[in-house]
C-alpha atoms as a PDB file:
ATOM      1  CA  MET A   1      -0.136   0.051  -0.340  1.00  0.00           C
ATOM      2  CA  ASN A   2       0.966   3.472  -0.838  1.00  0.00           C
ATOM      3  CA  VAL A   3       0.893   4.772   2.742  1.00  0.00           C
ATOM      4  CA  ARG A   4       1.908   8.432   1.884  1.00  0.00           C
ATOM      5  CA  PRO A   5      -1.378   9.934   0.932  1.00  0.00           C
ATOM      6  CA  LEU A   6      -2.818   8.927   4.563  1.00  0.00           C
ATOM      7  CA  PHE A   7       0.234   9.819   5.997  1.00  0.00           C
ATOM      8  CA  LEU A   8      -0.137  13.789   4.725  1.00  0.00           C
ATOM      9  CA  LEU A   9      -3.453  13.814   5.364  1.00  0.00           C
ATOM     10  CA  ALA A  10      -2.635  12.981   9.434  1.00  0.00           C
ATOM     11  CA  CYS A  11      -0.069  15.652   9.055  1.00  0.00           C
ATOM     12  CA  ALA A  12      -2.928  18.269   7.718  1.00  0.00           C
ATOM     13  CA  CYS A  13      -5.260  17.354  10.166  1.00  0.00           C
ATOM     14  CA  ALA A  14      -2.405  18.096  13.038  1.00  0.00           C
ATOM     15  CA  ALA A  15      -1.397  21.179  10.907  1.00  0.00           C
ATOM     16  CA  THR A  16      -4.236  23.119  10.291  1.00  0.00           C
ATOM     17  CA  ALA A  17      -5.850  25.273  12.581  1.00  0.00           C
ATOM     18  CA  GLY A  18      -8.421  24.209  14.581  1.00  0.00           C
ATOM     19  CA  PHE A  19     -10.905  27.482  13.971  1.00  0.00           C
ATOM     20  CA  ALA A  20     -14.443  26.521  14.420  1.00  0.00           C
ATOM     21  CA  GLN A  21     -17.489  27.509  12.123  1.00  0.00           C
ATOM     22  CA  VAL A  22     -19.693  30.491  13.387  1.00  0.00           C
ATOM     23  CA  GLU A  23     -22.867  28.651  13.810  1.00  0.00           C
ATOM     24  CA  LEU A  24     -20.955  25.802  15.778  1.00  0.00           C
ATOM     25  CA  ILE A  25     -19.293  27.333  18.214  1.00  0.00           C
ATOM     26  CA  GLY A  26     -19.853  28.869  21.953  1.00  0.00           C
ATOM     27  CA  ARG A  27     -21.279  27.580  25.109  1.00  0.00           C
ATOM     28  CA  ASP A  28     -21.751  23.604  24.637  1.00  0.00           C
ATOM     29  CA  GLN A  29     -21.696  23.620  21.004  1.00  0.00           C
ATOM     30  CA  TYR A  30     -18.571  21.000  21.068  1.00  0.00           C
ATOM     31  CA  PRO A  31     -17.164  22.314  17.740  1.00  0.00           C
ATOM     32  CA  GLN A  32     -14.313  19.734  18.026  1.00  0.00           C
ATOM     33  CA  PHE A  33     -16.725  17.091  17.635  1.00  0.00           C
ATOM     34  CA  ARG A  34     -18.914  18.399  14.728  1.00  0.00           C
ATOM     35  CA  GLY A  35     -16.461  16.096  12.295  1.00  0.00           C
ATOM     36  CA  ALA A  36     -15.389  12.685  12.777  1.00  0.00           C
ATOM     37  CA  SER A  37     -16.231  11.360  15.927  1.00  0.00           C
ATOM     38  CA  GLY A  38     -13.696   8.851  16.822  1.00  0.00           C
ATOM     39  CA  LEU A  39     -16.278   6.006  17.401  1.00  0.00           C
ATOM     40  CA  PRO A  40     -17.091   3.228  15.491  1.00  0.00           C
ATOM     41  CA  GLY A  41     -18.934   3.774  11.936  1.00  0.00           C
ATOM     42  CA  SER A  42     -17.118   7.248  11.789  1.00  0.00           C
ATOM     43  CA  GLY A  43     -14.904   7.385   8.485  1.00  0.00           C
ATOM     44  CA  ALA A  44     -15.576   3.483   7.814  1.00  0.00           C
ATOM     45  CA  PRO A  45     -18.602   1.036   7.806  1.00  0.00           C
ATOM     46  CA  VAL A  46     -19.099  -1.005  10.497  1.00  0.00           C
ATOM     47  CA  ARG A  47     -21.110  -4.766   9.691  1.00  0.00           C
ATOM     48  CA  PRO A  48     -23.475  -6.347  12.335  1.00  0.00           C
ATOM     49  CA  VAL A  49     -20.846  -9.056  12.266  1.00  0.00           C
ATOM     50  CA  GLY A  50     -16.875  -9.038  11.620  1.00  0.00           C
ATOM     51  CA  GLY A  51     -16.474  -5.058  12.203  1.00  0.00           C
ATOM     52  CA  ILE A  52     -15.289  -3.022   9.754  1.00  0.00           C
ATOM     53  CA  GLY A  53     -16.104  -3.447   6.008  1.00  0.00           C
ATOM     54  CA  LEU A  54     -17.856  -2.978   2.765  1.00  0.00           C
ATOM     55  CA  GLY A  55     -21.869  -3.435   3.631  1.00  0.00           C
ATOM     56  CA  GLY A  56     -22.144  -1.779   7.125  1.00  0.00           C
ATOM     57  CA  ALA A  57     -24.032   1.239   8.957  1.00  0.00           C
ATOM     58  CA  TRP A  58     -21.700   4.705   8.533  1.00  0.00           C
ATOM     59  CA  THR A  59     -21.620   7.770  10.223  1.00  0.00           C
ATOM     60  CA  LEU A  60     -19.808  10.895  10.692  1.00  0.00           C
ATOM     61  CA  THR A  61     -20.319  12.601  14.254  1.00  0.00           C
ATOM     62  CA  THR A  62     -23.059  10.392  15.590  1.00  0.00           C
ATOM     63  CA  PRO A  63     -22.490   6.653  17.524  1.00  0.00           C
ATOM     64  CA  ILE A  64     -23.885   3.513  15.825  1.00  0.00           C
ATOM     65  CA  ALA A  65     -24.413   0.512  17.829  1.00  0.00           C
ATOM     66  CA  TYR A  66     -21.656  -2.325  16.103  1.00  0.00           C
ATOM     67  CA  SER A  67     -18.325  -2.688  16.838  1.00  0.00           C
ATOM     68  CA  LEU A  68     -14.962  -3.467  15.598  1.00  0.00           C
ATOM     69  CA  GLY A  69     -13.714  -6.694  15.251  1.00  0.00           C
ATOM     70  CA  HIS A  70     -11.663  -8.592  17.692  1.00  0.00           C
ATOM     71  CA  TRP A  71      -8.123  -7.473  17.401  1.00  0.00           C
ATOM     72  CA  GLN A  72      -9.312  -5.259  14.570  1.00  0.00           C
ATOM     73  CA  PHE A  73      -8.047  -1.390  14.333  1.00  0.00           C
ATOM     74  CA  PHE A  74      -8.628   1.605  12.380  1.00  0.00           C
ATOM     75  CA  VAL A  75      -6.389   4.886  11.185  1.00  0.00           C
ATOM     76  CA  GLY A  76      -8.161   7.580  10.152  1.00  0.00           C
ATOM     77  CA  GLY A  77      -8.161  11.485   9.608  1.00  0.00           C
ATOM     78  CA  SER A  78     -10.826  14.102   8.643  1.00  0.00           C
ATOM     79  CA  LEU A  79     -11.223  17.585   7.310  1.00  0.00           C
ATOM     80  CA  LEU A  80     -13.935  19.888   8.154  1.00  0.00           C
ATOM     81  CA  SER A  81     -14.336  23.023   6.291  1.00  0.00           C
ATOM     82  CA  THR A  82     -14.499  26.122   8.266  1.00  0.00           C
ATOM     83  CA  ASP A  83     -16.126  28.552   6.046  1.00  0.00           C
ATOM     84  CA  GLY A  84     -17.635  26.754   3.092  1.00  0.00           C
ATOM     85  CA  ALA A  85     -14.752  26.165   1.010  1.00  0.00           C
ATOM     86  CA  ILE A  86     -13.354  22.238   0.276  1.00  0.00           C
ATOM     87  CA  PRO A  87     -11.040  21.426   3.077  1.00  0.00           C
ATOM     88  CA  PRO A  88      -8.197  22.144   3.889  1.00  0.00           C
ATOM     89  CA  PHE A  89      -8.547  25.446   1.650  1.00  0.00           C
ATOM     90  CA  ALA A  90      -9.863  28.631   2.959  1.00  0.00           C
ATOM     91  CA  LYS A  91     -12.200  31.086   0.450  1.00  0.00           C
ATOM     92  CA  ASN A  92      -9.844  33.631   0.570  1.00  0.00           C
ATOM     93  CA  SER A  93      -6.709  31.462  -1.085  1.00  0.00           C
ATOM     94  CA  GLY A  94      -4.881  34.358  -1.272  1.00  0.00           C
ATOM     95  CA  SER A  95      -4.396  35.183   2.474  1.00  0.00           C
ATOM     96  CA  ALA A  96      -2.304  34.323   5.099  1.00  0.00           C
ATOM     97  CA  GLU A  97      -5.061  31.622   6.063  1.00  0.00           C
ATOM     98  CA  ALA A  98      -5.512  29.872   2.537  1.00  0.00           C
ATOM     99  CA  LEU A  99      -4.954  26.811   4.445  1.00  0.00           C
ATOM    100  CA  ASN A 100      -8.092  26.500   6.947  1.00  0.00           C
ATOM    101  CA  SER A 101      -9.882  23.352   8.487  1.00  0.00           C
ATOM    102  CA  ASN A 102     -10.983  21.968  11.557  1.00  0.00           C
ATOM    103  CA  GLY A 103      -8.788  18.387  11.866  1.00  0.00           C
ATOM    104  CA  THR A 104      -9.262  14.913  13.251  1.00  0.00           C
ATOM    105  CA  PHE A 105      -6.621  12.406  13.035  1.00  0.00           C
ATOM    106  CA  TRP A 106      -8.056   9.159  15.659  1.00  0.00           C
ATOM    107  CA  GLN A 107      -7.131   5.257  15.774  1.00  0.00           C
ATOM    108  CA  MET A 108      -9.286   2.772  16.819  1.00  0.00           C
ATOM    109  CA  GLY A 109      -9.020  -0.765  18.115  1.00  0.00           C
ATOM    110  CA  GLY A 110     -11.689  -3.632  18.749  1.00  0.00           C
ATOM    111  CA  PHE A 111     -11.155  -6.466  21.378  1.00  0.00           C
ATOM    112  CA  LYS A 112     -14.128  -9.436  22.323  1.00  0.00           C
ATOM    113  CA  PHE A 113     -15.009  -9.171  25.745  1.00  0.00           C
ATOM    114  CA  GLY A 114     -16.228 -12.563  26.247  1.00  0.00           C
ATOM    115  CA  ASP A 115     -20.083 -13.750  25.738  1.00  0.00           C
ATOM    116  CA  LEU A 116     -20.888 -10.106  26.817  1.00  0.00           C
ATOM    117  CA  GLY A 117     -19.962  -8.187  23.918  1.00  0.00           C
ATOM    118  CA  ASP A 118     -17.653  -5.993  22.350  1.00  0.00           C
ATOM    119  CA  LEU A 119     -15.605  -3.693  23.232  1.00  0.00           C
ATOM    120  CA  THR A 120     -13.663  -0.474  21.152  1.00  0.00           C
ATOM    121  CA  LEU A 121     -11.470   1.983  22.467  1.00  0.00           C
ATOM    122  CA  ALA A 122     -10.146   4.530  20.498  1.00  0.00           C
ATOM    123  CA  ASN A 123      -7.590   7.884  20.578  1.00  0.00           C
ATOM    124  CA  MET A 124      -8.284  10.868  18.646  1.00  0.00           C
ATOM    125  CA  PHE A 125      -6.362  14.321  18.050  1.00  0.00           C
ATOM    126  CA  VAL A 126      -8.594  17.256  17.305  1.00  0.00           C
ATOM    127  CA  SER A 127      -6.372  20.484  17.348  1.00  0.00           C
ATOM    128  CA  THR A 128      -3.086  22.138  17.437  1.00  0.00           C
ATOM    129  CA  GLU A 129      -3.516  23.373  20.698  1.00  0.00           C
ATOM    130  CA  GLY A 130      -2.921  19.714  22.278  1.00  0.00           C
ATOM    131  CA  ASP A 131      -6.667  18.882  22.230  1.00  0.00           C
ATOM    132  CA  ASN A 132      -7.104  15.051  22.626  1.00  0.00           C
ATOM    133  CA  GLY A 133      -9.650  12.684  23.957  1.00  0.00           C
ATOM    134  CA  SER A 134     -10.174   8.827  24.562  1.00  0.00           C
ATOM    135  CA  ASN A 135     -13.460   7.226  23.835  1.00  0.00           C
ATOM    136  CA  VAL A 136     -15.064   3.845  25.307  1.00  0.00           C
ATOM    137  CA  HIS A 137     -17.864   2.157  23.388  1.00  0.00           C
ATOM    138  CA  PHE A 138     -19.659  -1.272  24.548  1.00  0.00           C
ATOM    139  CA  ARG A 139     -21.780  -3.626  22.028  1.00  0.00           C
ATOM    140  CA  PHE A 140     -23.754  -6.036  24.337  1.00  0.00           C
ATOM    141  CA  ASN A 141     -24.371  -9.315  22.561  1.00  0.00           C
ATOM    142  CA  VAL A 142     -28.067  -9.265  22.247  1.00  0.00           C
ATOM    143  CA  GLY A 143     -28.352 -12.676  20.745  1.00  0.00           C
ATOM    144  CA  ASP A 144     -29.725 -11.381  17.261  1.00  0.00           C
ATOM    145  CA  PRO A 145     -26.272 -10.045  15.392  1.00  0.00           C
ATOM    146  CA  ARG A 146     -28.772  -7.891  12.895  1.00  0.00           C
ATOM    147  CA  VAL A 147     -29.492  -5.701  16.036  1.00  0.00           C
ATOM    148  CA  GLY A 148     -27.105  -3.562  18.015  1.00  0.00           C
ATOM    149  CA  PHE A 149     -27.374  -2.157  21.395  1.00  0.00           C
ATOM    150  CA  ALA A 150     -24.336  -0.273  22.818  1.00  0.00           C
ATOM    151  CA  VAL A 151     -23.333   2.084  25.505  1.00  0.00           C
ATOM    152  CA  GLY A 152     -20.098   4.463  25.154  1.00  0.00           C
ATOM    153  CA  ILE A 153     -18.452   7.690  26.156  1.00  0.00           C
ATOM    154  CA  GLN A 154     -16.554  10.054  24.161  1.00  0.00           C
ATOM    155  CA  ASP A 155     -13.949  12.025  25.545  1.00  0.00           C
ATOM    156  CA  THR A 156     -13.577   9.952  28.598  1.00  0.00           C
ATOM    157  CA  ALA A 157     -11.267  12.091  30.867  1.00  0.00           C
ATOM    158  CA  GLY A 158     -12.933  15.594  29.491  1.00  0.00           C
ATOM    159  CA  GLN A 159      -9.952  16.978  28.156  1.00  0.00           C
ATOM    160  CA  VAL A 160     -11.721  18.485  25.235  1.00  0.00           C
ATOM    161  CA  GLY A 161     -13.504  21.964  25.485  1.00  0.00           C
ATOM    162  CA  SER A 162     -17.156  22.285  24.691  1.00  0.00           C
ATOM    163  CA  ALA A 163     -17.059  25.952  23.367  1.00  0.00           C
ATOM    164  CA  GLY A 164     -14.125  26.217  21.041  1.00  0.00           C
ATOM    165  CA  ASP A 165     -10.677  27.921  21.656  1.00  0.00           C
ATOM    166  CA  VAL A 166     -12.198  31.487  20.982  1.00  0.00           C
ATOM    167  CA  PHE A 167     -14.517  31.415  24.145  1.00  0.00           C
ATOM    168  CA  PRO A 168     -11.723  30.536  26.580  1.00  0.00           C
ATOM    169  CA  ALA A 169     -14.565  31.110  29.607  1.00  0.00           C
ATOM    170  CA  ASP A 170     -17.002  28.322  28.280  1.00  0.00           C
ATOM    171  CA  ASP A 171     -14.028  26.268  26.738  1.00  0.00           C
ATOM    172  CA  VAL A 172     -13.248  24.902  30.245  1.00  0.00           C
ATOM    173  CA  ARG A 173     -16.690  23.384  30.131  1.00  0.00           C
ATOM    174  CA  THR A 174     -16.445  19.349  29.685  1.00  0.00           C
ATOM    175  CA  SER A 175     -16.958  17.528  26.433  1.00  0.00           C
ATOM    176  CA  ARG A 176     -17.412  14.136  28.442  1.00  0.00           C
ATOM    177  CA  SER A 177     -20.612  12.598  26.662  1.00  0.00           C
ATOM    178  CA  ALA A 178     -22.261   9.537  27.829  1.00  0.00           C
ATOM    179  CA  TYR A 179     -24.594   7.639  24.948  1.00  0.00           C
ATOM    180  CA  GLY A 180     -26.601   4.711  24.564  1.00  0.00           C
ATOM    181  CA  VAL A 181     -27.575   3.816  20.813  1.00  0.00           C
ATOM    182  CA  VAL A 182     -29.386   0.869  19.018  1.00  0.00           C
ATOM    183  CA  THR A 183     -28.464  -0.135  15.346  1.00  0.00           C
ATOM    184  CA  LEU A 184     -30.988  -1.926  13.184  1.00  0.00           C
ATOM    185  CA  ALA A 185     -30.048  -4.120   9.795  1.00  0.00           C
ATOM    186  CA  VAL A 186     -32.929  -2.964   7.675  1.00  0.00           C
ATOM    187  CA  GLY A 187     -32.791  -5.747   4.653  1.00  0.00           C
ATOM    188  CA  GLU A 188     -29.184  -6.508   3.164  1.00  0.00           C
ATOM    189  CA  LYS A 189     -28.449  -2.932   2.294  1.00  0.00           C
ATOM    190  CA  SER A 190     -29.512  -0.476   5.042  1.00  0.00           C
ATOM    191  CA  PHE A 191     -29.358   0.524   8.416  1.00  0.00           C
ATOM    192  CA  VAL A 192     -30.847   2.826  10.890  1.00  0.00           C
ATOM    193  CA  SER A 193     -29.938   4.140  13.903  1.00  0.00           C
ATOM    194  CA  ALA A 194     -31.120   6.409  16.794  1.00  0.00           C
ATOM    195  CA  GLY A 195     -29.975   7.080  20.562  1.00  0.00           C
ATOM    196  CA  TRP A 196     -29.481   9.694  23.387  1.00  0.00           C
ATOM    197  CA  GLY A 197     -27.261  10.773  26.173  1.00  0.00           C
ATOM    198  CA  THR A 198     -25.438  13.430  28.031  1.00  0.00           C
ATOM    199  CA  ARG A 199     -24.080  16.427  27.181  1.00  0.00           C
ATOM    200  CA  ARG A 200     -23.754  16.665  23.225  1.00  0.00           C
ATOM    201  CA  PHE A 201     -26.124  13.613  23.056  1.00  0.00           C
ATOM    202  CA  GLU A 202     -28.713  15.131  25.550  1.00  0.00           C
ATOM    203  CA  LYS A 203     -31.276  16.110  22.454  1.00  0.00           C
ATOM    204  CA  GLY A 204     -30.703  12.589  20.993  1.00  0.00           C
ATOM    205  CA  PHE A 205     -29.263  11.594  17.477  1.00  0.00           C
ATOM    206  CA  ALA A 206     -30.288   9.432  14.711  1.00  0.00           C
ATOM    207  CA  SER A 207     -28.669   8.362  11.432  1.00  0.00           C
ATOM    208  CA  ALA A 208     -29.488   5.709   8.580  1.00  0.00           C
ATOM    209  CA  THR A 209     -27.190   4.106   5.841  1.00  0.00           C
ATOM    210  CA  HIS A 210     -27.801   2.648   2.243  1.00  0.00           C
ATOM    211  CA  TRP A 211     -25.662   1.215   0.418  1.00  0.00           C
ATOM    212  CA  VAL A 212     -26.061   2.081  -3.451  1.00  0.00           C
ATOM    213  CA  SER A 213     -23.637  -0.547  -5.173  1.00  0.00           C
ATOM    214  CA  ASP A 214     -21.020  -2.374  -3.813  1.00  0.00           C
ATOM    215  CA  ARG A 215     -18.744  -0.148  -3.015  1.00  0.00           C
ATOM    216  CA  TRP A 216     -20.758   2.947  -2.715  1.00  0.00           C
ATOM    217  CA  ALA A 217     -22.788   4.105   0.472  1.00  0.00           C
ATOM    218  CA  VAL A 218     -25.117   7.068   1.257  1.00  0.00           C
ATOM    219  CA  PHE A 219     -25.916   8.420   4.896  1.00  0.00           C
ATOM    220  CA  THR A 220     -27.340  11.083   6.630  1.00  0.00           C
ATOM    221  CA  GLU A 221     -27.564  11.674  10.514  1.00  0.00           C
ATOM    222  CA  PHE A 222     -29.367  14.447  12.692  1.00  0.00           C
ATOM    223  CA  GLU A 223     -27.216  15.254  15.646  1.00  0.00           C
ATOM    224  CA  GLY A 224     -29.582  16.789  17.937  1.00  0.00           C
ATOM    225  CA  LYS A 225     -29.022  20.279  16.157  1.00  0.00           C
ATOM    226  CA  HIS A 226     -28.917  19.716  12.646  1.00  0.00           C
ATOM    227  CA  TRP A 227     -28.293  17.187   9.883  1.00  0.00           C
ATOM    228  CA  ASN A 228     -25.301  16.266   8.178  1.00  0.00           C
ATOM    229  CA  VAL A 229     -25.433  14.291   4.966  1.00  0.00           C
ATOM    230  CA  GLY A 230     -22.582  12.219   3.074  1.00  0.00           C
ATOM    231  CA  ALA A 231     -21.240   9.162   1.066  1.00  0.00           C
ATOM    232  CA  GLY A 232     -18.487   6.884   1.775  1.00  0.00           C
ATOM    233  CA  TYR A 233     -16.600   4.293  -0.626  1.00  0.00           C
ATOM    234  CA  GLY A 234     -14.525   1.208   0.188  1.00  0.00           C
ATOM    235  CA  PHE A 235     -11.301   1.289  -1.947  1.00  0.00           C
ATOM    236  CA  GLY A 236     -11.178  -2.584  -1.151  1.00  0.00           C
ATOM    237  CA  TYR A 237      -7.753  -4.399  -0.288  1.00  0.00           C
ATOM    238  CA  ALA A 238      -5.228  -1.394   0.496  1.00  0.00           C
ATOM    239  CA  GLY A 239      -2.123  -3.793  -0.467  1.00  0.00           C
ATOM    240  CA  PHE A 240      -1.092  -4.988   2.779  1.00  0.00           C
ATOM    241  CA  SER A 241      -1.843  -7.500   5.428  1.00  0.00           C
ATOM    242  CA  VAL A 242      -1.666  -7.458   9.356  1.00  0.00           C
ATOM    243  CA  ARG A 243      -1.260 -11.129  11.412  1.00  0.00           C
ATOM    244  CA  GLY A 244      -3.049 -12.419   8.270  1.00  0.00           C
ATOM    245  CA  SER A 245      -5.978  -9.923   7.723  1.00  0.00           C
ATOM    246  CA  ARG A 246      -6.167  -7.830   4.887  1.00  0.00           C
ATOM    247  CA  ALA A 247      -6.256  -4.176   5.158  1.00  0.00           C
ATOM    248  CA  GLU A 248      -9.111  -2.407   3.120  1.00  0.00           C
ATOM    249  CA  GLY A 249      -9.487   1.447   2.459  1.00  0.00           C
ATOM    250  CA  PHE A 250     -12.260   3.738   2.565  1.00  0.00           C
ATOM    251  CA  MET A 251     -12.954   7.485   2.340  1.00  0.00           C
ATOM    252  CA  SER A 252     -16.094   9.794   2.544  1.00  0.00           C
ATOM    253  CA  PHE A 253     -17.247  13.065   2.013  1.00  0.00           C
ATOM    254  CA  GLY A 254     -20.060  15.252   2.752  1.00  0.00           C
ATOM    255  CA  THR A 255     -21.727  18.561   4.043  1.00  0.00           C
ATOM    256  CA  VAL A 256     -22.383  19.296   7.666  1.00  0.00           C
ATOM    257  CA  ARG A 257     -25.379  21.329   8.524  1.00  0.00           C
ATOM    258  CA  GLY A 258     -25.766  21.860   4.952  1.00  0.00           C
ATOM    259  CA  GLN A 259     -22.925  24.675   4.751  1.00  0.00           C
ATOM    260  CA  TYR A 260     -19.535  22.938   5.647  1.00  0.00           C
ATOM    261  CA  PRO A 261     -18.195  20.672   3.368  1.00  0.00           C
ATOM    262  CA  PHE A 262     -15.762  17.425   5.212  1.00  0.00           C
ATOM    263  CA  TRP A 263     -13.806  14.432   3.535  1.00  0.00           C
ATOM    264  CA  SER A 264     -11.820  11.835   5.267  1.00  0.00           C
ATOM    265  CA  VAL A 265      -9.580   8.746   4.767  1.00  0.00           C
ATOM    266  CA  GLY A 266      -8.531   5.452   6.719  1.00  0.00           C
ATOM    267  CA  VAL A 267      -7.721   2.240   6.668  1.00  0.00           C
ATOM    268  CA  GLY A 268      -8.934  -0.837   8.911  1.00  0.00           C
ATOM    269  CA  PHE A 269      -6.596  -4.171   9.339  1.00  0.00           C
END
């Protein structure tokens, strides 16, 4: 696999400024979580059985109830526009802020937890100010693999602020958010999810995924305050294997709140 594109995206995510969008900043707006969530389903589809792979549920910033497979890992990077231009570019490309976007770089790992269920752990970097957090997601074994029920905590240590760096007084409030979510497979090509939680999930959330071909999916989500839409594509074999498991590449793109484009790329193995 040519890892250079993924490496360059990771560098861009770490280097681009963490400025938030004007409609998404302020007290308890969680601007650094309006892009990729660092949870299962974000950046790559997750299937009812087998974890990451084509044909699964796909989202951007809201949880789903499936989990990564045992000893399965994912590394991804995402950029979210701050002004409506295609990230990482700003609308005023001739200014000193020609590169301007919210970047996220995250890693996830999945582990079997006996007969009780499946655990996914994640770490994410969300700004050049050193903001980073960890996420915990647990899917319970309910008997029917097509039905998912999961609970989790995003930003478990509360290290990421909830208002954005331009609101320092409010940004000290924690973004630690617990949630519960249910995901159902609808037929062979579609999934729906819904859930509720604390802090950024306190108004509830929902999402839907539909596969329009073997490699292309479309998804939409309501994250409690606005709608996001996107499309995802699976590249298939990424050119290398880990412990005998073939790595797969994925990308997604779309808009947040109908105004701010995003795109992501990552690899699961």
